[in-house]
Amino acid sequence: MPVMTLDIAKATKEQKEALVKELVPIFAKIINMPEETIYVFINEYDTDNVGVGKKLLSELKKEKA
């Protein structure tokens, strides 16, 4: 049972579906396993719980808005 784990900031269901749809075929090809055997676990983090450099991701997003 191959497992792929993704750690990401909050994402929409559509974004998560796109990640799985795009990444699983690549992973399957590289490890030479059927796509149906691959499990993908997505761990989401609130932007207040992610630091980039010396700032929280939530603050960086505010600055870019």
Protein backbone atom coordinates (compact mmCIF):
# COMPACT_ATOMS: atom_id res chain seq x y z
CA MET A 1 0.00 0.00 0.00
CA PRO A 2 1.94 3.06 -1.21
CA VAL A 3 1.13 6.22 0.75
CA MET A 4 1.58 9.84 -0.25
CA THR A 5 1.21 12.47 2.47
CA LEU A 6 0.64 16.13 1.64
CA ASP A 7 0.97 18.88 4.24
CA ILE A 8 -0.79 22.01 3.02
CA ALA A 9 -2.46 25.20 4.21
CA LYS A 10 -6.26 25.18 4.09
CA ALA A 11 -7.55 24.24 0.64
CA THR A 12 -10.91 23.83 -1.00
CA LYS A 13 -12.31 20.43 -1.83
CA GLU A 14 -11.75 21.24 -5.50
CA GLN A 15 -8.08 22.05 -4.89
CA LYS A 16 -7.58 18.79 -2.98
CA GLU A 17 -9.29 16.83 -5.75
CA ALA A 18 -7.00 18.49 -8.29
CA LEU A 19 -3.90 17.63 -6.25
CA VAL A 20 -4.90 13.97 -6.03
CA LYS A 21 -5.88 13.82 -9.71
CA GLU A 22 -2.58 15.32 -10.86
CA LEU A 23 -0.13 13.74 -8.42
CA VAL A 24 -1.33 10.13 -8.20
CA PRO A 25 -0.61 9.25 -11.86
CA ILE A 26 2.93 10.64 -11.57
CA PHE A 27 3.58 8.78 -8.32
CA ALA A 28 2.15 5.55 -9.75
CA LYS A 29 4.33 5.80 -12.84
CA ILE A 30 7.51 6.42 -10.86
CA ILE A 31 6.97 3.55 -8.42
CA ASN A 32 5.42 1.28 -11.08
CA MET A 33 2.24 0.56 -9.12
CA PRO A 34 -1.43 0.77 -10.11
CA GLU A 35 -3.07 4.11 -9.26
CA GLU A 36 -5.82 2.24 -7.41
CA THR A 37 -3.34 1.05 -4.78
CA ILE A 38 -2.14 4.52 -3.78
CA TYR A 39 -3.49 6.23 -0.68
CA VAL A 40 -3.20 10.00 -0.33
CA PHE A 41 -3.43 11.65 3.07
CA ILE A 42 -3.89 15.41 3.12
CA ASN A 43 -3.02 17.23 6.33
CA GLU A 44 -4.37 20.76 6.36
CA TYR A 45 -3.04 23.55 8.53
CA ASP A 46 -4.72 26.81 9.39
CA THR A 47 -2.63 29.69 8.07
CA ASP A 48 -2.13 30.85 11.68
CA ASN A 49 -0.28 27.58 12.27
CA VAL A 50 2.21 27.90 9.40
CA GLY A 51 5.35 30.00 9.60
CA VAL A 52 7.27 31.22 6.57
CA GLY A 53 10.53 32.85 7.48
CA LYS A 54 9.76 34.98 10.52
CA LYS A 55 6.07 35.53 9.75
CA LEU A 56 2.86 33.56 9.96
CA LEU A 57 1.33 32.62 6.63
CA SER A 58 -1.87 34.41 7.65
CA GLU A 59 0.08 37.67 7.97
CA LEU A 60 1.83 37.19 4.64
CA LYS A 61 -1.53 36.64 2.93
CA LYS A 62 -2.87 39.86 4.48
CA GLU A 63 0.16 41.78 3.22
CA LYS A 64 -0.39 40.51 -0.34
CA ALA A 65 -4.11 41.39 -0.32
